[in-house]
Amino acid sequence: MISAFYQRLSLVFIITFFAPSLWAVLPAVDGEGRQLPSLAPLLQEVNPSVVNISTYTTLTMRQNPLLNDPFFRRFFNIPEGQQAPRTRRTQSAGSGVIINAAKGTVVTNHHVIDGADEIYVGLEDGRSYKATLIGSDPEVDIAVLKLEEFENLTQLVIADSDQLLVGDFVIAIGNPFGLGQTVTSGVVSALGRSGLGIEGYENFIQTDASINPGNSGGALVNLRGELVGINTAILAPAGGNVGIGFAIPTNMAKASIDQILEYGEVRRGQLGIIIQDLTRELAEAFDMDKQQRGVVIAEVQLDSAAEKAGLQPGDIVISVDGSKVESSAELRNEIGRRRIGDEIQLTVLREGRSKLISAQVGEALGQQANSDTVHPLLQGATLQPAKQGGIEVVDIEQGSKAASSGLRPGDVILSANRRVVSGLADLEQAASMSQRRLVLRIKRGNMALYLVMQ
């Protein structure tokens, strides 16, 4: 009796705590009529929206160049006449999600359909339709397809992925290893994962729901049956699941999808700034709290949107439209989600004071770059005034402090201790302001960065 009482009490607690989400996953009953947790009712509604994608690519085999040599052909008695190039047809499989049933719109990963000559979409009920590529965004790894003929499709509701929390239950649905539709479940184990080098723009949802090769482009859904991410990558030495998978958040994916549907491509704008993370060393050099997080603007490009907005080198960006940014990757993602012409509000720290700057995202003037701040020590460098202004590092003596400082031959010093330098006298004067350290802003090729020497 006591055991049965606690079982019922536990069930009431689960229903009360997770309602209303779990109402859809608790209708199954055992042989005695007791309710058992189950995802089956939820999946009956969601699964028809997740599709298998098969691609076919024709590869032309390289012909032996010796076949064009008449002596080679004569020696091996090869008949004259150009041989037709050999071709090979390859097939690969992935997954996708129907986001518009009325128009037959399917979303998948760019790498699933990259280079494909033919694309076919297979539904859960066995139906198969040919699809055409509307457009893709390789930097986010999103592609949008349109079914050529279709009927009676089911679409997924797209959720606000910014509402996800670590620990939320999620379900991954896809076509792993080409086996057919497969469901796995788990939790969100981390958010905002970046720096993996998988995509150009990274802000991944990390989950322990099993994601394997073939799951790419499939759905990551919450317990309300809403799409929160597009499964895209795994982290595993052997290429299989080890409990760490990554999905593109729907908010990031939707920014690309909307532009692809409107223009057939993504027209990504930029502010025209070169940025780097605010490290503890830089924060101390700027007379700030070492715990302060943000992104340092190392350079503002001429005639860029940033210059027109009044942004300056040395500004520290701490939020975009009210959302905190603590790394270069986060700031890059926030700007990358905007369209050309969008207005954004940047909160920056300048000379220790907070300042709100309104900027309009402009067309790209060049590639935005993130720079790593190198650790200090400066001595043994041969310097001379640079033709374009500043001081050029002509040479660095091996084994000297400068050799381990992070400076390189060809670097141009633009400022020292936050004072512009145009000659060696300026550098000497600026360096005398602090006996403990020297903060240099340098130009290296097409990028700029700060170095802290101490």
Protein backbone atom coordinates (compact mmCIF):
# COMPACT_ATOMS: atom_id res chain seq x y z
CA MET A 1 0.00 0.00 0.00
CA ILE A 2 2.74 2.45 0.98
CA SER A 3 4.71 1.67 -2.19
CA ALA A 4 1.65 2.23 -4.39
CA PHE A 5 0.91 5.50 -2.58
CA TYR A 6 4.41 6.85 -3.28
CA GLN A 7 4.22 5.77 -6.90
CA ARG A 8 1.02 7.77 -7.34
CA LEU A 9 2.49 10.73 -5.46
CA SER A 10 5.58 10.72 -7.70
CA LEU A 11 3.39 10.66 -10.81
CA VAL A 12 1.35 13.63 -9.55
CA PHE A 13 4.57 15.54 -8.88
CA ILE A 14 5.93 14.87 -12.39
CA ILE A 15 2.66 15.93 -14.04
CA THR A 16 2.39 19.06 -11.89
CA PHE A 17 6.02 20.12 -12.30
CA PHE A 18 6.34 19.60 -16.05
CA ALA A 19 2.77 20.50 -17.12
CA PRO A 20 1.62 21.34 -19.65
CA SER A 21 4.51 19.94 -21.69
CA LEU A 22 4.25 16.37 -20.45
CA TRP A 23 0.50 15.98 -20.87
CA ALA A 24 1.25 14.99 -24.46
CA VAL A 25 3.69 12.30 -23.41
CA LEU A 26 1.81 10.53 -20.59
CA PRO A 27 -1.25 8.86 -22.11
CA ALA A 28 0.21 5.34 -22.35
CA VAL A 29 -1.05 2.85 -19.73
CA ASP A 30 0.17 -0.50 -18.53
CA GLY A 31 -1.92 -3.68 -18.19
CA GLU A 32 -3.47 -2.43 -14.95
CA GLY A 33 -4.52 0.93 -16.37
CA ARG A 34 -1.74 2.97 -14.76
CA GLN A 35 -0.26 5.83 -16.80
CA LEU A 36 3.31 5.42 -18.03
CA PRO A 37 5.58 8.14 -19.45
CA SER A 38 5.82 7.89 -23.24
CA LEU A 39 6.89 10.11 -26.10
CA ALA A 40 4.85 8.09 -28.59
CA PRO A 41 1.79 10.42 -28.82
CA LEU A 42 4.05 13.44 -29.35
CA LEU A 43 6.09 11.65 -32.01
CA GLN A 44 2.96 10.59 -33.90
CA GLU A 45 2.38 14.29 -34.54
CA VAL A 46 6.03 15.28 -35.14
CA ASN A 47 7.50 12.41 -37.18
CA PRO A 48 5.61 13.12 -40.45
CA SER A 49 7.38 16.52 -40.59
CA VAL A 50 10.88 15.01 -40.54
CA VAL A 51 12.07 13.64 -43.88
CA ASN A 52 14.91 11.56 -45.29
CA ILE A 53 16.99 13.18 -48.02
CA SER A 54 18.78 11.20 -50.71
CA THR A 55 21.21 12.94 -53.04
CA TYR A 56 22.82 11.71 -56.24
CA THR A 57 26.01 13.14 -57.68
CA THR A 58 27.75 12.25 -60.94
CA LEU A 59 31.54 12.39 -60.66
CA THR A 60 33.79 12.55 -63.69
CA MET A 61 36.84 10.37 -63.28
CA ARG A 62 40.15 11.94 -64.21
CA GLN A 63 41.57 10.58 -67.44
CA ASN A 64 45.18 9.46 -67.59
CA PRO A 65 47.07 12.30 -69.33
CA LEU A 66 49.38 9.73 -70.96
CA LEU A 67 46.48 8.77 -73.22
CA ASN A 68 47.11 12.04 -75.06
CA ASP A 69 50.69 11.01 -75.80
CA PRO A 70 50.85 9.35 -79.28
CA PHE A 71 54.02 7.39 -78.38
CA PHE A 72 52.31 5.98 -75.30
CA ARG A 73 49.23 5.00 -77.31
CA ARG A 74 51.35 3.38 -80.03
CA PHE A 75 53.50 1.46 -77.50
CA PHE A 76 50.45 -0.02 -75.76
CA ASN A 77 48.49 -0.39 -79.02
CA ILE A 78 45.70 1.94 -77.87
CA PRO A 79 43.35 2.90 -80.76
CA GLU A 80 43.36 6.50 -81.91
CA GLY A 81 40.46 8.71 -80.95
CA GLN A 82 39.55 10.46 -77.76
CA GLN A 83 38.03 8.19 -75.17
CA ALA A 84 34.88 9.32 -73.43
CA PRO A 85 35.57 10.34 -69.81
CA ARG A 86 34.44 7.80 -67.25
CA THR A 87 31.79 8.82 -64.76
CA ARG A 88 30.70 7.45 -61.43
CA ARG A 89 27.35 8.05 -59.72
CA THR A 90 27.41 8.40 -55.94
CA GLN A 91 24.59 8.50 -53.40
CA SER A 92 24.44 9.96 -49.90
CA ALA A 93 21.74 10.32 -47.28
CA GLY A 94 20.72 12.93 -44.75
CA SER A 95 17.67 14.39 -43.08
CA GLY A 96 15.42 17.43 -43.37
CA VAL A 97 12.43 19.20 -41.84
CA ILE A 98 9.22 20.41 -43.47
CA ILE A 99 8.65 24.02 -42.36
CA ASN A 100 5.87 24.95 -44.79
CA ALA A 101 3.41 22.23 -45.78
CA ALA A 102 1.44 24.45 -48.15
CA LYS A 103 4.47 25.39 -50.24
CA GLY A 104 6.47 22.19 -49.85
CA THR A 105 9.43 23.92 -48.17
CA VAL A 106 12.08 21.73 -46.55
CA VAL A 107 15.12 22.80 -44.53
CA THR A 108 18.31 20.77 -44.26
CA ASN A 109 22.07 21.29 -43.93
CA HIS A 110 24.09 22.78 -46.76
CA HIS A 111 26.61 19.95 -46.53
CA VAL A 112 23.85 17.37 -47.07
CA ILE A 113 23.02 18.64 -50.57
CA ASP A 114 26.32 20.31 -51.53
CA GLY A 115 27.25 19.35 -55.09
CA ALA A 116 24.18 17.15 -55.61
CA ASP A 117 22.77 16.72 -59.12
CA GLU A 118 19.48 15.26 -57.92
CA ILE A 119 17.71 15.52 -54.57
CA TYR A 120 14.85 13.31 -53.38
CA VAL A 121 12.84 13.74 -50.19
CA GLY A 122 11.35 10.67 -48.55
CA LEU A 123 8.44 10.92 -46.11
CA GLU A 124 7.74 8.74 -43.11
CA ASP A 125 4.84 7.04 -44.88
CA GLY A 126 7.03 5.92 -47.78
CA ARG A 127 6.20 8.64 -50.29
CA SER A 128 9.12 10.21 -52.19
CA TYR A 129 9.29 13.51 -54.06
CA LYS A 130 11.95 15.18 -56.16
CA ALA A 131 13.20 18.48 -54.74
CA THR A 132 14.98 21.53 -56.11
CA LEU A 133 17.43 23.73 -54.24
CA ILE A 134 16.14 27.26 -53.57
CA GLY A 135 19.38 28.42 -51.97
CA SER A 136 21.83 27.76 -49.17
CA ASP A 137 24.03 29.47 -46.60
CA PRO A 138 27.31 27.54 -46.28
CA GLU A 139 28.55 29.73 -43.41
CA VAL A 140 25.64 28.65 -41.19
CA ASP A 141 25.22 25.28 -42.98
CA ILE A 142 21.58 25.79 -43.91
CA ALA A 143 19.87 24.89 -47.21
CA VAL A 144 16.27 25.35 -48.31
CA LEU A 145 14.55 22.94 -50.72
CA LYS A 146 11.22 23.00 -52.53
CA LEU A 147 9.34 19.83 -53.39
CA GLU A 148 8.34 19.75 -57.06
CA GLU A 149 5.14 17.77 -56.45
CA PHE A 150 3.51 17.06 -53.12
CA GLU A 151 0.29 16.59 -51.22
CA ASN A 152 -0.87 16.21 -47.62
CA LEU A 153 2.32 17.36 -45.93
CA THR A 154 2.80 18.10 -42.22
CA GLN A 155 4.98 20.93 -40.97
CA LEU A 156 6.74 21.64 -37.70
CA VAL A 157 6.12 24.75 -35.62
CA ILE A 158 9.34 26.76 -35.23
CA ALA A 159 10.03 27.74 -31.62
CA ASP A 160 12.06 30.62 -30.18
CA SER A 161 15.39 28.91 -29.50
CA ASP A 162 16.46 31.77 -27.22
CA GLN A 163 14.05 30.36 -24.64
CA LEU A 164 15.99 27.08 -24.37
CA LEU A 165 17.74 26.35 -21.10
CA VAL A 166 20.45 23.87 -20.21
CA GLY A 167 18.65 20.81 -18.88
CA ASP A 168 15.58 21.12 -21.13
CA PHE A 169 14.48 17.78 -22.60
CA VAL A 170 14.87 17.49 -26.38
CA ILE A 171 14.29 14.85 -29.04
CA ALA A 172 16.51 14.33 -32.11
CA ILE A 173 14.84 12.87 -35.18
CA GLY A 174 16.65 11.93 -38.37
CA ASN A 175 18.03 9.29 -40.69
CA PRO A 176 21.26 8.01 -39.06
CA PHE A 177 23.47 5.82 -41.26
CA GLY A 178 20.65 5.76 -43.83
CA LEU A 179 18.66 3.37 -41.66
CA GLY A 180 15.44 5.35 -41.88
CA GLN A 181 13.67 7.60 -39.43
CA THR A 182 15.09 7.20 -35.93
CA VAL A 183 14.26 8.94 -32.66
CA THR A 184 16.63 9.62 -29.76
CA SER A 185 16.12 11.74 -26.67
CA GLY A 186 18.21 13.61 -24.14
CA VAL A 187 18.73 17.06 -22.70
CA VAL A 188 20.31 20.32 -23.74
CA SER A 189 23.79 19.96 -22.25
CA ALA A 190 25.14 23.39 -23.24
CA LEU A 191 24.20 26.50 -25.22
CA GLY A 192 26.15 28.95 -27.34
CA ARG A 193 28.90 26.54 -28.30
CA SER A 194 31.36 28.19 -30.72
CA GLY A 195 35.01 28.05 -31.71
CA LEU A 196 34.69 24.48 -32.99
CA GLY A 197 35.74 25.37 -36.52
CA ILE A 198 32.78 23.48 -37.99
CA GLU A 199 30.96 26.43 -39.56
CA GLY A 200 31.66 30.07 -40.31
CA TYR A 201 29.03 31.17 -37.79
CA GLU A 202 28.68 28.99 -34.71
CA ASN A 203 26.21 29.26 -31.85
CA PHE A 204 25.37 25.61 -31.38
CA ILE A 205 22.94 23.88 -29.08
CA GLN A 206 24.82 20.98 -27.51
CA THR A 207 22.81 17.89 -26.65
CA ASP A 208 23.40 14.34 -25.45
CA ALA A 209 20.51 13.08 -27.59
CA SER A 210 22.27 10.66 -29.96
CA ILE A 211 23.22 12.31 -33.24
CA ASN A 212 25.06 10.20 -35.81
CA PRO A 213 26.11 10.49 -39.47
CA GLY A 214 22.91 10.84 -41.47
CA ASN A 215 21.14 12.84 -38.76
CA SER A 216 22.42 16.04 -40.37
CA GLY A 217 19.55 18.34 -41.29
CA GLY A 218 17.11 16.55 -38.99
CA ALA A 219 14.96 18.03 -36.26
CA LEU A 220 15.73 18.79 -32.65
CA VAL A 221 12.37 19.33 -30.96
CA ASN A 222 11.19 20.17 -27.45
CA LEU A 223 8.51 18.37 -25.46
CA ARG A 224 5.84 20.56 -27.05
CA GLY A 225 6.75 19.15 -30.45
CA GLU A 226 8.28 22.44 -31.63
CA LEU A 227 11.43 22.75 -33.70
CA VAL A 228 14.26 24.29 -31.65
CA GLY A 229 17.27 23.28 -33.76
CA ILE A 230 18.61 21.67 -36.93
CA ASN A 231 20.94 18.76 -36.14
CA THR A 232 24.24 19.41 -37.87
CA ALA A 233 27.38 17.94 -36.31
CA ILE A 234 28.90 15.48 -33.87
CA LEU A 235 32.07 15.50 -31.82
CA ALA A 236 33.54 12.01 -31.82
CA PRO A 237 37.02 10.68 -32.66
CA ALA A 238 35.64 7.60 -34.40
CA GLY A 239 32.80 9.40 -36.18
CA GLY A 240 30.01 7.94 -34.04
CA ASN A 241 27.95 9.24 -31.16
CA VAL A 242 29.67 9.76 -27.80
CA GLY A 243 26.96 11.90 -26.22
CA ILE A 244 28.00 15.26 -27.69
CA GLY A 245 26.02 16.50 -30.68
CA PHE A 246 25.35 19.95 -32.04
CA ALA A 247 22.32 21.64 -33.58
CA ILE A 248 21.87 25.05 -35.19
CA PRO A 249 19.39 27.10 -33.11
CA THR A 250 16.20 27.91 -34.99
CA ASN A 251 16.65 31.65 -34.48
CA MET A 252 19.99 31.54 -36.28
CA ALA A 253 18.68 29.19 -38.96
CA LYS A 254 15.55 31.28 -39.52
CA ALA A 255 17.60 34.41 -40.22
CA SER A 256 19.20 32.55 -43.15
CA ILE A 257 16.00 30.78 -44.23
CA ASP A 258 14.03 34.02 -44.51
CA GLN A 259 16.65 35.61 -46.77
CA ILE A 260 16.98 32.49 -48.92
CA LEU A 261 13.20 32.40 -49.44
CA GLU A 262 13.20 36.10 -50.32
CA TYR A 263 16.39 36.47 -52.38
CA GLY A 264 17.56 32.92 -53.12
CA GLU A 265 20.71 33.68 -51.13
CA VAL A 266 21.90 35.24 -47.90
CA ARG A 267 23.00 38.87 -48.10
CA ARG A 268 24.99 39.14 -44.91
CA GLY A 269 26.06 42.58 -43.78
CA GLN A 270 28.89 43.78 -41.59
CA LEU A 271 29.80 46.77 -39.47
CA GLY A 272 33.38 46.94 -40.71
CA ILE A 273 35.23 46.30 -37.47
CA ILE A 274 38.09 44.00 -36.49
CA ILE A 275 37.55 42.55 -33.05
CA GLN A 276 39.12 40.46 -30.31
CA ASP A 277 38.07 39.13 -26.92
CA LEU A 278 38.55 41.27 -23.84
CA THR A 279 41.06 39.28 -21.80
CA ARG A 280 42.06 39.80 -18.18
CA GLU A 281 45.34 41.38 -19.36
CA LEU A 282 43.54 43.83 -21.65
CA ALA A 283 40.97 44.67 -18.99
CA GLU A 284 43.76 45.51 -16.56
CA ALA A 285 45.57 47.52 -19.22
CA PHE A 286 42.39 49.52 -19.84
CA ASP A 287 42.07 50.15 -16.08
CA MET A 288 38.96 48.01 -15.87
CA ASP A 289 37.73 45.25 -13.61
CA LYS A 290 39.52 42.02 -14.60
CA GLN A 291 36.16 40.24 -14.52
CA GLN A 292 34.67 42.56 -17.16
CA ARG A 293 33.60 40.63 -20.26
CA GLY A 294 33.15 42.04 -23.72
CA VAL A 295 34.65 42.46 -27.18
CA VAL A 296 37.39 44.97 -28.02
CA ILE A 297 37.20 46.85 -31.31
CA ALA A 298 40.79 46.72 -32.57
CA GLU A 299 40.16 48.56 -35.84
CA VAL A 300 37.39 50.45 -37.60
CA GLN A 301 37.54 50.24 -41.39
CA LEU A 302 37.40 53.42 -43.43
CA ASP A 303 33.99 54.33 -44.89
CA SER A 304 32.40 51.45 -42.99
CA ALA A 305 29.09 51.37 -41.16
CA ALA A 306 31.02 51.38 -37.88
CA GLU A 307 32.92 54.54 -38.78
CA LYS A 308 29.70 56.30 -39.77
CA ALA A 309 28.14 55.27 -36.45
CA GLY A 310 31.03 56.74 -34.49
CA LEU A 311 32.61 53.54 -33.20
CA GLN A 312 36.30 53.85 -32.34
CA PRO A 313 39.27 51.52 -31.81
CA GLY A 314 39.43 50.68 -28.14
CA ASP A 315 35.65 50.65 -27.67
CA ILE A 316 34.50 47.58 -25.76
CA VAL A 317 31.16 46.17 -26.92
CA ILE A 318 29.19 44.62 -24.06
CA SER A 319 25.72 44.22 -25.59
CA VAL A 320 23.78 44.27 -28.84
CA ASP A 321 20.13 45.31 -28.72
CA GLY A 322 20.18 44.65 -24.99
CA SER A 323 21.63 41.13 -25.27
CA LYS A 324 25.01 40.66 -23.59
CA VAL A 325 28.00 39.69 -25.73
CA GLU A 326 31.03 38.25 -24.00
CA SER A 327 33.12 36.97 -26.89
CA SER A 328 34.06 37.81 -30.46
CA ALA A 329 32.05 34.82 -31.68
CA GLU A 330 28.89 36.06 -29.96
CA LEU A 331 29.23 39.55 -31.45
CA ARG A 332 29.92 38.12 -34.89
CA ASN A 333 26.84 35.91 -34.64
CA GLU A 334 24.64 38.81 -33.53
CA ILE A 335 25.74 40.95 -36.46
CA GLY A 336 25.60 38.01 -38.88
CA ARG A 337 21.92 37.44 -38.05
CA ARG A 338 21.02 40.95 -39.20
CA ARG A 339 20.22 42.03 -42.73
CA ILE A 340 21.92 44.84 -44.59
CA GLY A 341 20.21 48.05 -43.51
CA ASP A 342 19.05 46.79 -40.10
CA GLU A 343 19.51 49.18 -37.18
CA ILE A 344 21.25 47.81 -34.10
CA GLN A 345 21.97 49.34 -30.70
CA LEU A 346 25.47 48.72 -29.36
CA THR A 347 26.36 49.35 -25.73
CA VAL A 348 30.07 50.10 -25.52
CA LEU A 349 32.52 51.08 -22.81
CA ARG A 350 34.68 54.02 -23.81
CA GLU A 351 37.19 55.48 -21.35
CA GLY A 352 35.37 53.62 -18.58
CA ARG A 353 31.97 55.09 -19.42
CA SER A 354 28.98 53.31 -20.93
CA LYS A 355 27.79 54.68 -24.26
CA LEU A 356 24.85 53.65 -26.46
CA ILE A 357 25.62 53.79 -30.19
CA SER A 358 23.13 53.21 -32.98
CA ALA A 359 24.59 51.61 -36.11
CA GLN A 360 23.19 50.44 -39.41
CA VAL A 361 24.48 47.13 -40.74
CA GLY A 362 26.21 47.81 -44.04
CA GLU A 363 27.54 45.83 -46.97
CA ALA A 364 30.74 43.92 -46.40
CA LEU A 365 33.90 45.90 -47.19
CA GLY A 366 36.11 42.91 -46.46
CA GLN A 367 36.30 39.89 -44.26
CA GLN A 368 35.79 40.51 -40.56
CA ALA A 369 38.47 38.86 -38.49
CA ASN A 370 38.89 37.75 -34.94
CA SER A 371 42.33 38.20 -33.45
CA ASP A 372 43.98 36.37 -30.59
CA THR A 373 45.67 38.54 -27.99
CA VAL A 374 49.24 37.40 -27.53
CA HIS A 375 51.10 37.61 -24.25
CA PRO A 376 53.68 40.31 -23.74
CA LEU A 377 57.29 41.30 -23.42
CA LEU A 378 58.90 43.67 -25.85
CA GLN A 379 62.65 44.21 -26.42
CA GLY A 380 65.02 43.49 -29.29
CA ALA A 381 62.82 44.78 -32.12
CA THR A 382 64.18 46.92 -34.96
CA LEU A 383 61.71 49.76 -35.56
CA GLN A 384 61.31 52.50 -38.13
CA PRO A 385 58.60 54.99 -39.13
CA ALA A 386 56.09 53.41 -41.52
CA LYS A 387 55.22 55.09 -44.81
CA GLN A 388 51.49 54.82 -44.14
CA GLY A 389 51.85 56.14 -40.60
CA GLY A 390 52.80 54.47 -37.33
CA ILE A 391 55.95 52.50 -36.59
CA GLU A 392 56.95 49.41 -38.54
CA VAL A 393 58.60 46.38 -36.96
CA VAL A 394 61.44 45.72 -39.41
CA ASP A 395 63.13 42.84 -37.64
CA ILE A 396 63.08 40.91 -34.37
CA GLU A 397 66.18 39.41 -32.80
CA GLN A 398 65.89 35.70 -32.14
CA GLY A 399 65.84 34.81 -28.45
CA SER A 400 64.96 38.36 -27.43
CA LYS A 401 61.98 39.41 -25.40
CA ALA A 402 60.35 40.78 -28.54
CA ALA A 403 60.64 37.36 -30.14
CA SER A 404 58.35 35.95 -27.46
CA SER A 405 56.18 39.04 -27.16
CA GLY A 406 53.91 38.28 -30.09
CA LEU A 407 55.23 41.00 -32.39
CA ARG A 408 56.19 39.98 -35.91
CA PRO A 409 58.29 41.61 -38.62
CA GLY A 410 55.94 43.66 -40.77
CA ASP A 411 53.65 44.66 -37.89
CA VAL A 412 52.85 48.37 -37.76
CA ILE A 413 52.41 49.93 -34.30
CA LEU A 414 49.52 52.41 -34.44
CA SER A 415 49.24 53.38 -30.78
CA ALA A 416 50.95 52.80 -27.46
CA ASN A 417 49.18 53.01 -24.13
CA ARG A 418 46.16 54.22 -26.10
CA ARG A 419 48.04 57.18 -27.59
CA VAL A 420 48.55 57.46 -31.35
CA VAL A 421 52.18 57.19 -32.38
CA SER A 422 53.67 58.49 -35.63
CA GLY A 423 57.36 58.28 -34.76
CA LEU A 424 59.84 56.72 -32.37
CA ALA A 425 59.68 59.79 -30.12
CA ASP A 426 55.92 59.31 -29.74
CA LEU A 427 56.45 55.67 -28.83
CA GLU A 428 59.10 56.55 -26.26
CA GLN A 429 56.87 59.19 -24.70
CA ALA A 430 53.83 56.90 -24.61
CA ALA A 431 55.89 54.08 -23.11
CA SER A 432 57.08 56.36 -20.33
CA MET A 433 53.49 56.73 -19.10
CA SER A 434 53.69 53.32 -17.46
CA GLN A 435 56.73 51.50 -16.11
CA ARG A 436 54.77 48.26 -15.67
CA ARG A 437 53.38 47.61 -19.09
CA LEU A 438 53.02 48.78 -22.67
CA VAL A 439 49.74 48.31 -24.53
CA LEU A 440 50.23 48.36 -28.29
CA ARG A 441 47.64 48.50 -31.03
CA ILE A 442 49.20 47.05 -34.16
CA LYS A 443 48.19 46.53 -37.77
CA ARG A 444 49.07 43.11 -39.17
CA GLY A 445 48.17 42.68 -42.82
CA ASN A 446 44.47 43.44 -43.13
CA MET A 447 43.70 43.13 -39.46
CA ALA A 448 44.54 44.96 -36.23
CA LEU A 449 44.95 43.80 -32.65
CA TYR A 450 46.13 44.87 -29.21
CA LEU A 451 49.21 43.46 -27.50
CA VAL A 452 49.93 43.85 -23.79
CA MET A 453 53.66 43.95 -22.99
CA GLN A 454 54.75 43.73 -19.34
